[in-house]
Amino acid sequence: MLSFNSYGESVVCYYIYNGVVSENLKTYKRDGDKFMDRQYPLDIVIDNSEVLLLEEVFDYAVFHFMLNKKTKEARFTSMKVDSIHSDIGKCEILD
């Protein structure tokens, strides 16, 4: 299992909407003590042998990405004051 403690690692994920696999891939690339989503940095909240939890805070919302490192299952959650949206997915780890 990868440690997620070095530069250059990437996590590539796909969303699953109502049982249908999305064709759009999401890539998170480690850059030091953060992961990048295109040009946007995501802070590492938890990074241990079981879980990777990333967070991106906007003026109007908070986004969380949580990866189970053993099963490679993921959860994508966007929260606003008046709503929460959450999707599941599967990921691959590249180095």
PDB file of N, CA and C in Angstrom:
ATOM      1  N   MET A   1       0.838  -1.179   0.000  1.00  0.00           N
ATOM      2  CA  MET A   1       0.000   0.000   0.000  1.00  0.00           C
ATOM      3  C   MET A   1       0.884   1.243   0.000  1.00  0.00           C
ATOM      4  N   LEU A   2       0.480   2.245  -0.769  1.00  0.00           N
ATOM      5  CA  LEU A   2       1.217   3.497  -0.809  1.00  0.00           C
ATOM      6  C   LEU A   2       1.017   4.266   0.479  1.00  0.00           C
ATOM      7  N   SER A   3       2.016   5.013   0.860  1.00  0.00           N
ATOM      8  CA  SER A   3       1.959   5.755   2.119  1.00  0.00           C
ATOM      9  C   SER A   3       1.241   7.086   1.987  1.00  0.00           C
ATOM     10  N   PHE A   4       1.143   7.637   0.804  1.00  0.00           N
ATOM     11  CA  PHE A   4       0.610   8.973   0.583  1.00  0.00           C
ATOM     12  C   PHE A   4       1.446  10.031   1.284  1.00  0.00           C
ATOM     13  N   ASN A   5       2.724   9.768   1.522  1.00  0.00           N
ATOM     14  CA  ASN A   5       3.556  10.728   2.232  1.00  0.00           C
ATOM     15  C   ASN A   5       4.698  11.250   1.379  1.00  0.00           C
ATOM     16  N   SER A   6       4.559  11.240   0.070  1.00  0.00           N
ATOM     17  CA  SER A   6       5.621  11.748  -0.784  1.00  0.00           C
ATOM     18  C   SER A   6       5.040  12.645  -1.872  1.00  0.00           C
ATOM     19  N   TYR A   7       5.914  13.261  -2.600  1.00  0.00           N
ATOM     20  CA  TYR A   7       5.491  14.108  -3.709  1.00  0.00           C
ATOM     21  C   TYR A   7       5.130  13.237  -4.906  1.00  0.00           C
ATOM     22  N   GLY A   8       4.246  13.730  -5.757  1.00  0.00           N
ATOM     23  CA  GLY A   8       4.000  13.116  -7.042  1.00  0.00           C
ATOM     24  C   GLY A   8       2.898  12.084  -7.100  1.00  0.00           C
ATOM     25  N   GLU A   9       2.343  11.672  -5.983  1.00  0.00           N
ATOM     26  CA  GLU A   9       1.273  10.696  -6.023  1.00  0.00           C
ATOM     27  C   GLU A   9      -0.010  11.345  -6.535  1.00  0.00           C
ATOM     28  N   SER A  10      -0.789  10.561  -7.260  1.00  0.00           N
ATOM     29  CA  SER A  10      -2.069  11.039  -7.756  1.00  0.00           C
ATOM     30  C   SER A  10      -3.153  10.027  -7.421  1.00  0.00           C
ATOM     31  N   VAL A  11      -4.350  10.548  -7.205  1.00  0.00           N
ATOM     32  CA  VAL A  11      -5.532   9.722  -7.003  1.00  0.00           C
ATOM     33  C   VAL A  11      -6.484  10.076  -8.133  1.00  0.00           C
ATOM     34  N   VAL A  12      -6.861   9.083  -8.937  1.00  0.00           N
ATOM     35  CA  VAL A  12      -7.772   9.290 -10.052  1.00  0.00           C
ATOM     36  C   VAL A  12      -9.077   8.573  -9.722  1.00  0.00           C
ATOM     37  N   CYS A  13     -10.188   9.317  -9.788  1.00  0.00           N
ATOM     38  CA  CYS A  13     -11.472   8.777  -9.337  1.00  0.00           C
ATOM     39  C   CYS A  13     -12.557   9.003 -10.385  1.00  0.00           C
ATOM     40  N   TYR A  14     -13.569   8.173 -10.301  1.00  0.00           N
ATOM     41  CA  TYR A  14     -14.786   8.393 -11.071  1.00  0.00           C
ATOM     42  C   TYR A  14     -15.962   8.414 -10.105  1.00  0.00           C
ATOM     43  N   TYR A  15     -16.973   9.195 -10.466  1.00  0.00           N
ATOM     44  CA  TYR A  15     -18.192   9.293  -9.677  1.00  0.00           C
ATOM     45  C   TYR A  15     -19.162   8.202 -10.096  1.00  0.00           C
ATOM     46  N   ILE A  16     -20.048   7.831  -9.174  1.00  0.00           N
ATOM     47  CA  ILE A  16     -21.145   6.917  -9.476  1.00  0.00           C
ATOM     48  C   ILE A  16     -22.441   7.645  -9.123  1.00  0.00           C
ATOM     49  N   TYR A  17     -23.249   7.976 -10.148  1.00  0.00           N
ATOM     50  CA  TYR A  17     -24.524   8.669  -9.954  1.00  0.00           C
ATOM     51  C   TYR A  17     -25.658   7.673 -10.154  1.00  0.00           C
ATOM     52  N   ASN A  18     -26.442   7.431  -9.126  1.00  0.00           N
ATOM     53  CA  ASN A  18     -27.585   6.521  -9.223  1.00  0.00           C
ATOM     54  C   ASN A  18     -27.211   5.199  -9.891  1.00  0.00           C
ATOM     55  N   GLY A  19     -26.067   4.667  -9.535  1.00  0.00           N
ATOM     56  CA  GLY A  19     -25.611   3.387 -10.071  1.00  0.00           C
ATOM     57  C   GLY A  19     -24.928   3.461 -11.422  1.00  0.00           C
ATOM     58  N   VAL A  20     -24.835   4.658 -12.005  1.00  0.00           N
ATOM     59  CA  VAL A  20     -24.214   4.831 -13.321  1.00  0.00           C
ATOM     60  C   VAL A  20     -22.836   5.466 -13.138  1.00  0.00           C
ATOM     61  N   VAL A  21     -21.825   4.858 -13.748  1.00  0.00           N
ATOM     62  CA  VAL A  21     -20.456   5.356 -13.650  1.00  0.00           C
ATOM     63  C   VAL A  21     -20.277   6.550 -14.578  1.00  0.00           C
ATOM     64  N   SER A  22     -19.794   7.652 -14.040  1.00  0.00           N
ATOM     65  CA  SER A  22     -19.546   8.863 -14.818  1.00  0.00           C
ATOM     66  C   SER A  22     -18.340   8.669 -15.728  1.00  0.00           C
ATOM     67  N   GLU A  23     -18.384   9.279 -16.885  1.00  0.00           N
ATOM     68  CA  GLU A  23     -17.247   9.235 -17.802  1.00  0.00           C
ATOM     69  C   GLU A  23     -16.176  10.261 -17.428  1.00  0.00           C
ATOM     70  N   ASN A  24     -16.542  11.230 -16.597  1.00  0.00           N
ATOM     71  CA  ASN A  24     -15.601  12.270 -16.186  1.00  0.00           C
ATOM     72  C   ASN A  24     -14.750  11.783 -15.024  1.00  0.00           C
ATOM     73  N   LEU A  25     -13.444  11.832 -15.193  1.00  0.00           N
ATOM     74  CA  LEU A  25     -12.517  11.437 -14.137  1.00  0.00           C
ATOM     75  C   LEU A  25     -12.102  12.655 -13.339  1.00  0.00           C
ATOM     76  N   LYS A  26     -11.882  12.456 -12.047  1.00  0.00           N
ATOM     77  CA  LYS A  26     -11.409  13.507 -11.155  1.00  0.00           C
ATOM     78  C   LYS A  26     -10.012  13.112 -10.704  1.00  0.00           C
ATOM     79  N   THR A  27      -9.047  14.008 -10.829  1.00  0.00           N
ATOM     80  CA  THR A  27      -7.670  13.710 -10.453  1.00  0.00           C
ATOM     81  C   THR A  27      -7.208  14.653  -9.358  1.00  0.00           C
ATOM     82  N   TYR A  28      -6.662  14.062  -8.310  1.00  0.00           N
ATOM     83  CA  TYR A  28      -6.065  14.816  -7.202  1.00  0.00           C
ATOM     84  C   TYR A  28      -4.588  14.456  -7.171  1.00  0.00           C
ATOM     85  N   LYS A  29      -3.711  15.446  -7.339  1.00  0.00           N
ATOM     86  CA  LYS A  29      -2.275  15.212  -7.396  1.00  0.00           C
ATOM     87  C   LYS A  29      -1.597  15.825  -6.181  1.00  0.00           C
ATOM     88  N   ARG A  30      -0.810  15.001  -5.477  1.00  0.00           N
ATOM     89  CA  ARG A  30      -0.108  15.500  -4.281  1.00  0.00           C
ATOM     90  C   ARG A  30       0.937  16.526  -4.698  1.00  0.00           C
ATOM     91  N   ASP A  31       0.963  17.621  -3.946  1.00  0.00           N
ATOM     92  CA  ASP A  31       1.970  18.663  -4.124  1.00  0.00           C
ATOM     93  C   ASP A  31       2.425  19.084  -2.730  1.00  0.00           C
ATOM     94  N   GLY A  32       3.381  18.350  -2.187  1.00  0.00           N
ATOM     95  CA  GLY A  32       3.870  18.628  -0.839  1.00  0.00           C
ATOM     96  C   GLY A  32       2.844  18.263   0.209  1.00  0.00           C
ATOM     97  N   ASP A  33       2.393  19.249   0.988  1.00  0.00           N
ATOM     98  CA  ASP A  33       1.447  18.985   2.061  1.00  0.00           C
ATOM     99  C   ASP A  33       0.002  19.245   1.646  1.00  0.00           C
ATOM    100  N   LYS A  34      -0.264  19.295   0.343  1.00  0.00           N
ATOM    101  CA  LYS A  34      -1.612  19.491  -0.190  1.00  0.00           C
ATOM    102  C   LYS A  34      -1.813  18.557  -1.381  1.00  0.00           C
ATOM    103  N   PHE A  35      -3.052  18.451  -1.818  1.00  0.00           N
ATOM    104  CA  PHE A  35      -3.372  17.816  -3.088  1.00  0.00           C
ATOM    105  C   PHE A  35      -3.964  18.900  -3.975  1.00  0.00           C
ATOM    106  N   MET A  36      -3.725  18.806  -5.266  1.00  0.00           N
ATOM    107  CA  MET A  36      -4.246  19.786  -6.205  1.00  0.00           C
ATOM    108  C   MET A  36      -5.376  19.160  -7.027  1.00  0.00           C
ATOM    109  N   ASP A  37      -6.452  19.925  -7.183  1.00  0.00           N
ATOM    110  CA  ASP A  37      -7.564  19.584  -8.061  1.00  0.00           C
ATOM    111  C   ASP A  37      -7.514  20.626  -9.170  1.00  0.00           C
ATOM    112  N   ARG A  38      -6.882  20.263 -10.278  1.00  0.00           N
ATOM    113  CA  ARG A  38      -6.492  21.220 -11.314  1.00  0.00           C
ATOM    114  C   ARG A  38      -5.607  22.274 -10.672  1.00  0.00           C
ATOM    115  N   GLN A  39      -6.045  23.530 -10.612  1.00  0.00           N
ATOM    116  CA  GLN A  39      -5.214  24.558  -9.990  1.00  0.00           C
ATOM    117  C   GLN A  39      -5.628  24.857  -8.555  1.00  0.00           C
ATOM    118  N   TYR A  40      -6.629  24.144  -8.024  1.00  0.00           N
ATOM    119  CA  TYR A  40      -7.149  24.422  -6.685  1.00  0.00           C
ATOM    120  C   TYR A  40      -6.521  23.507  -5.635  1.00  0.00           C
ATOM    121  N   PRO A  41      -5.960  24.073  -4.564  1.00  0.00           N
ATOM    122  CA  PRO A  41      -5.370  23.248  -3.510  1.00  0.00           C
ATOM    123  C   PRO A  41      -6.429  22.719  -2.543  1.00  0.00           C
ATOM    124  N   LEU A  42      -6.253  21.465  -2.140  1.00  0.00           N
ATOM    125  CA  LEU A  42      -7.092  20.869  -1.107  1.00  0.00           C
ATOM    126  C   LEU A  42      -6.208  20.541   0.079  1.00  0.00           C
ATOM    127  N   ASP A  43      -6.624  20.994   1.262  1.00  0.00           N
ATOM    128  CA  ASP A  43      -5.872  20.715   2.477  1.00  0.00           C
ATOM    129  C   ASP A  43      -6.053  19.260   2.892  1.00  0.00           C
ATOM    130  N   ILE A  44      -5.000  18.681   3.431  1.00  0.00           N
ATOM    131  CA  ILE A  44      -5.062  17.325   3.963  1.00  0.00           C
ATOM    132  C   ILE A  44      -5.526  17.425   5.415  1.00  0.00           C
ATOM    133  N   VAL A  45      -6.694  16.855   5.708  1.00  0.00           N
ATOM    134  CA  VAL A  45      -7.254  16.872   7.057  1.00  0.00           C
ATOM    135  C   VAL A  45      -6.842  15.608   7.800  1.00  0.00           C
ATOM    136  N   ILE A  46      -6.966  14.455   7.145  1.00  0.00           N
ATOM    137  CA  ILE A  46      -6.551  13.161   7.701  1.00  0.00           C
ATOM    138  C   ILE A  46      -5.769  12.425   6.627  1.00  0.00           C
ATOM    139  N   ASP A  47      -4.648  11.849   7.009  1.00  0.00           N
ATOM    140  CA  ASP A  47      -3.852  11.027   6.094  1.00  0.00           C
ATOM    141  C   ASP A  47      -3.183   9.949   6.934  1.00  0.00           C
ATOM    142  N   ASN A  48      -3.840   8.794   7.026  1.00  0.00           N
ATOM    143  CA  ASN A  48      -3.265   7.688   7.780  1.00  0.00           C
ATOM    144  C   ASN A  48      -3.342   6.415   6.946  1.00  0.00           C
ATOM    145  N   SER A  49      -3.124   5.273   7.530  1.00  0.00           N
ATOM    146  CA  SER A  49      -3.103   4.032   6.757  1.00  0.00           C
ATOM    147  C   SER A  49      -4.484   3.620   6.262  1.00  0.00           C
ATOM    148  N   GLU A  50      -5.533   4.191   6.837  1.00  0.00           N
ATOM    149  CA  GLU A  50      -6.902   3.814   6.479  1.00  0.00           C
ATOM    150  C   GLU A  50      -7.598   4.822   5.558  1.00  0.00           C
ATOM    151  N   VAL A  51      -7.376   6.120   5.825  1.00  0.00           N
ATOM    152  CA  VAL A  51      -8.212   7.161   5.224  1.00  0.00           C
ATOM    153  C   VAL A  51      -7.378   8.341   4.745  1.00  0.00           C
ATOM    154  N   LEU A  52      -7.800   8.899   3.616  1.00  0.00           N
ATOM    155  CA  LEU A  52      -7.313  10.200   3.166  1.00  0.00           C
ATOM    156  C   LEU A  52      -8.529  11.111   3.097  1.00  0.00           C
ATOM    157  N   LEU A  53      -8.501  12.221   3.852  1.00  0.00           N
ATOM    158  CA  LEU A  53      -9.583  13.196   3.831  1.00  0.00           C
ATOM    159  C   LEU A  53      -9.010  14.539   3.408  1.00  0.00           C
ATOM    160  N   LEU A  54      -9.552  15.071   2.315  1.00  0.00           N
ATOM    161  CA  LEU A  54      -9.129  16.368   1.790  1.00  0.00           C
ATOM    162  C   LEU A  54     -10.270  17.359   1.942  1.00  0.00           C
ATOM    163  N   GLU A  55      -9.911  18.641   2.100  1.00  0.00           N
ATOM    164  CA  GLU A  55     -10.917  19.676   2.285  1.00  0.00           C
ATOM    165  C   GLU A  55     -10.554  20.914   1.474  1.00  0.00           C
ATOM    166  N   GLU A  56     -11.579  21.487   0.859  1.00  0.00           N
ATOM    167  CA  GLU A  56     -11.434  22.759   0.144  1.00  0.00           C
ATOM    168  C   GLU A  56     -12.538  23.684   0.651  1.00  0.00           C
ATOM    169  N   VAL A  57     -12.142  24.858   1.133  1.00  0.00           N
ATOM    170  CA  VAL A  57     -13.096  25.795   1.716  1.00  0.00           C
ATOM    171  C   VAL A  57     -13.248  26.992   0.775  1.00  0.00           C
ATOM    172  N   PHE A  58     -14.494  27.285   0.436  1.00  0.00           N
ATOM    173  CA  PHE A  58     -14.841  28.430  -0.390  1.00  0.00           C
ATOM    174  C   PHE A  58     -15.577  29.450   0.485  1.00  0.00           C
ATOM    175  N   ASP A  59     -15.841  30.625  -0.055  1.00  0.00           N
ATOM    176  CA  ASP A  59     -16.630  31.630   0.673  1.00  0.00           C
ATOM    177  C   ASP A  59     -18.048  31.136   0.930  1.00  0.00           C
ATOM    178  N   TYR A  60     -18.563  30.291   0.056  1.00  0.00           N
ATOM    179  CA  TYR A  60     -19.966  29.895   0.092  1.00  0.00           C
ATOM    180  C   TYR A  60     -20.181  28.397   0.362  1.00  0.00           C
ATOM    181  N   ALA A  61     -19.107  27.597   0.420  1.00  0.00           N
ATOM    182  CA  ALA A  61     -19.279  26.153   0.564  1.00  0.00           C
ATOM    183  C   ALA A  61     -17.994  25.500   1.055  1.00  0.00           C
ATOM    184  N   VAL A  62     -18.139  24.243   1.484  1.00  0.00           N
ATOM    185  CA  VAL A  62     -17.003  23.408   1.864  1.00  0.00           C
ATOM    186  C   VAL A  62     -17.110  22.111   1.075  1.00  0.00           C
ATOM    187  N   PHE A  63     -15.985  21.673   0.506  1.00  0.00           N
ATOM    188  CA  PHE A  63     -15.939  20.414  -0.241  1.00  0.00           C
ATOM    189  C   PHE A  63     -15.032  19.441   0.495  1.00  0.00           C
ATOM    190  N   HIS A  64     -15.500  18.202   0.671  1.00  0.00           N
ATOM    191  CA  HIS A  64     -14.694  17.142   1.263  1.00  0.00           C
ATOM    192  C   HIS A  64     -14.567  15.981   0.290  1.00  0.00           C
ATOM    193  N   PHE A  65     -13.364  15.429   0.217  1.00  0.00           N
ATOM    194  CA  PHE A  65     -13.106  14.192  -0.514  1.00  0.00           C
ATOM    195  C   PHE A  65     -12.541  13.214   0.494  1.00  0.00           C
ATOM    196  N   MET A  66     -13.175  12.042   0.636  1.00  0.00           N
ATOM    197  CA  MET A  66     -12.704  11.026   1.580  1.00  0.00           C
ATOM    198  C   MET A  66     -12.479   9.722   0.838  1.00  0.00           C
ATOM    199  N   LEU A  67     -11.277   9.170   1.002  1.00  0.00           N
ATOM    200  CA  LEU A  67     -10.885   7.927   0.339  1.00  0.00           C
ATOM    201  C   LEU A  67     -10.578   6.862   1.378  1.00  0.00           C
ATOM    202  N   ASN A  68     -11.203   5.702   1.240  1.00  0.00           N
ATOM    203  CA  ASN A  68     -10.831   4.526   2.010  1.00  0.00           C
ATOM    204  C   ASN A  68      -9.644   3.917   1.270  1.00  0.00           C
ATOM    205  N   LYS A  69      -8.465   3.974   1.844  1.00  0.00           N
ATOM    206  CA  LYS A  69      -7.249   3.549   1.147  1.00  0.00           C
ATOM    207  C   LYS A  69      -7.214   2.047   0.874  1.00  0.00           C
ATOM    208  N   LYS A  70      -7.933   1.263   1.656  1.00  0.00           N
ATOM    209  CA  LYS A  70      -7.918  -0.187   1.458  1.00  0.00           C
ATOM    210  C   LYS A  70      -8.870  -0.628   0.357  1.00  0.00           C
ATOM    211  N   THR A  71     -10.077  -0.077   0.344  1.00  0.00           N
ATOM    212  CA  THR A  71     -11.078  -0.493  -0.645  1.00  0.00           C
ATOM    213  C   THR A  71     -11.066   0.385  -1.895  1.00  0.00           C
ATOM    214  N   LYS A  72     -10.431   1.561  -1.796  1.00  0.00           N
ATOM    215  CA  LYS A  72     -10.391   2.574  -2.863  1.00  0.00           C
ATOM    216  C   LYS A  72     -11.761   3.190  -3.135  1.00  0.00           C
ATOM    217  N   GLU A  73     -12.703   3.003  -2.205  1.00  0.00           N
ATOM    218  CA  GLU A  73     -14.002   3.662  -2.311  1.00  0.00           C
ATOM    219  C   GLU A  73     -13.865   5.098  -1.833  1.00  0.00           C
ATOM    220  N   ALA A  74     -14.646   5.990  -2.458  1.00  0.00           N
ATOM    221  CA  ALA A  74     -14.533   7.411  -2.144  1.00  0.00           C
ATOM    222  C   ALA A  74     -15.904   8.030  -1.937  1.00  0.00           C
ATOM    223  N   ARG A  75     -15.900   9.146  -1.216  1.00  0.00           N
ATOM    224  CA  ARG A  75     -17.102   9.945  -1.026  1.00  0.00           C
ATOM    225  C   ARG A  75     -16.726  11.393  -1.315  1.00  0.00           C
ATOM    226  N   PHE A  76     -17.547  12.060  -2.118  1.00  0.00           N
ATOM    227  CA  PHE A  76     -17.373  13.456  -2.485  1.00  0.00           C
ATOM    228  C   PHE A  76     -18.557  14.217  -1.883  1.00  0.00           C
ATOM    229  N   THR A  77     -18.303  15.211  -1.029  1.00  0.00           N
ATOM    230  CA  THR A  77     -19.391  15.924  -0.361  1.00  0.00           C
ATOM    231  C   THR A  77     -19.183  17.432  -0.473  1.00  0.00           C
ATOM    232  N   SER A  78     -20.227  18.106  -0.907  1.00  0.00           N
ATOM    233  CA  SER A  78     -20.234  19.561  -0.991  1.00  0.00           C
ATOM    234  C   SER A  78     -21.313  20.076  -0.044  1.00  0.00           C
ATOM    235  N   MET A  79     -20.931  20.986   0.864  1.00  0.00           N
ATOM    236  CA  MET A  79     -21.872  21.500   1.859  1.00  0.00           C
ATOM    237  C   MET A  79     -21.991  23.010   1.752  1.00  0.00           C
ATOM    238  N   LYS A  80     -23.220  23.464   1.745  1.00  0.00           N
ATOM    239  CA  LYS A  80     -23.541  24.880   1.843  1.00  0.00           C
ATOM    240  C   LYS A  80     -24.455  25.045   3.049  1.00  0.00           C
ATOM    241  N   VAL A  81     -24.759  26.267   3.433  1.00  0.00           N
ATOM    242  CA  VAL A  81     -25.621  26.505   4.586  1.00  0.00           C
ATOM    243  C   VAL A  81     -26.980  25.831   4.393  1.00  0.00           C
ATOM    244  N   ASP A  82     -27.508  25.873   3.179  1.00  0.00           N
ATOM    245  CA  ASP A  82     -28.858  25.364   2.950  1.00  0.00           C
ATOM    246  C   ASP A  82     -28.914  24.037   2.198  1.00  0.00           C
ATOM    247  N   SER A  83     -27.766  23.398   1.957  1.00  0.00           N
ATOM    248  CA  SER A  83     -27.817  22.127   1.228  1.00  0.00           C
ATOM    249  C   SER A  83     -26.544  21.303   1.412  1.00  0.00           C
ATOM    250  N   ILE A  84     -26.701  20.002   1.219  1.00  0.00           N
ATOM    251  CA  ILE A  84     -25.568  19.062   1.198  1.00  0.00           C
ATOM    252  C   ILE A  84     -25.761  18.159  -0.001  1.00  0.00           C
ATOM    253  N   HIS A  85     -24.690  17.980  -0.777  1.00  0.00           N
ATOM    254  CA  HIS A  85     -24.717  17.062  -1.910  1.00  0.00           C
ATOM    255  C   HIS A  85     -23.563  16.085  -1.741  1.00  0.00           C
ATOM    256  N   SER A  86     -23.848  14.801  -1.935  1.00  0.00           N
ATOM    257  CA  SER A  86     -22.818  13.789  -1.723  1.00  0.00           C
ATOM    258  C   SER A  86     -22.910  12.728  -2.806  1.00  0.00           C
ATOM    259  N   ASP A  87     -21.758  12.293  -3.307  1.00  0.00           N
ATOM    260  CA  ASP A  87     -21.679  11.226  -4.309  1.00  0.00           C
ATOM    261  C   ASP A  87     -20.646  10.210  -3.851  1.00  0.00           C
ATOM    262  N   ILE A  88     -20.745   9.008  -4.375  1.00  0.00           N
ATOM    263  CA  ILE A  88     -19.743   7.987  -4.117  1.00  0.00           C
ATOM    264  C   ILE A  88     -18.922   7.770  -5.369  1.00  0.00           C
ATOM    265  N   GLY A  89     -17.811   7.052  -5.247  1.00  0.00           N
ATOM    266  CA  GLY A  89     -16.979   6.765  -6.391  1.00  0.00           C
ATOM    267  C   GLY A  89     -15.937   5.711  -6.053  1.00  0.00           C
ATOM    268  N   LYS A  90     -15.133   5.403  -7.026  1.00  0.00           N
ATOM    269  CA  LYS A  90     -14.009   4.476  -6.867  1.00  0.00           C
ATOM    270  C   LYS A  90     -12.777   5.175  -7.417  1.00  0.00           C
ATOM    271  N   CYS A  91     -11.616   4.835  -6.851  1.00  0.00           N
ATOM    272  CA  CYS A  91     -10.387   5.522  -7.220  1.00  0.00           C
ATOM    273  C   CYS A  91      -9.266   4.528  -7.494  1.00  0.00           C
ATOM    274  N   GLU A  92      -8.276   5.005  -8.224  1.00  0.00           N
ATOM    275  CA  GLU A  92      -7.022   4.306  -8.430  1.00  0.00           C
ATOM    276  C   GLU A  92      -5.910   5.224  -7.930  1.00  0.00           C
ATOM    277  N   ILE A  93      -4.863   4.630  -7.406  1.00  0.00           N
ATOM    278  CA  ILE A  93      -3.736   5.386  -6.902  1.00  0.00           C
ATOM    279  C   ILE A  93      -2.591   5.229  -7.886  1.00  0.00           C
ATOM    280  N   LEU A  94      -2.072   6.353  -8.363  1.00  0.00           N
ATOM    281  CA  LEU A  94      -0.950   6.358  -9.302  1.00  0.00           C
ATOM    282  C   LEU A  94       0.243   7.009  -8.631  1.00  0.00           C
ATOM    283  N   ASP A  95       1.448   6.598  -9.018  1.00  0.00           N
ATOM    284  CA  ASP A  95       2.615   7.294  -8.471  1.00  0.00           C
ATOM    285  C   ASP A  95       3.594   7.649  -9.561  1.00  0.00           C
TER     286      ASP A  95
END
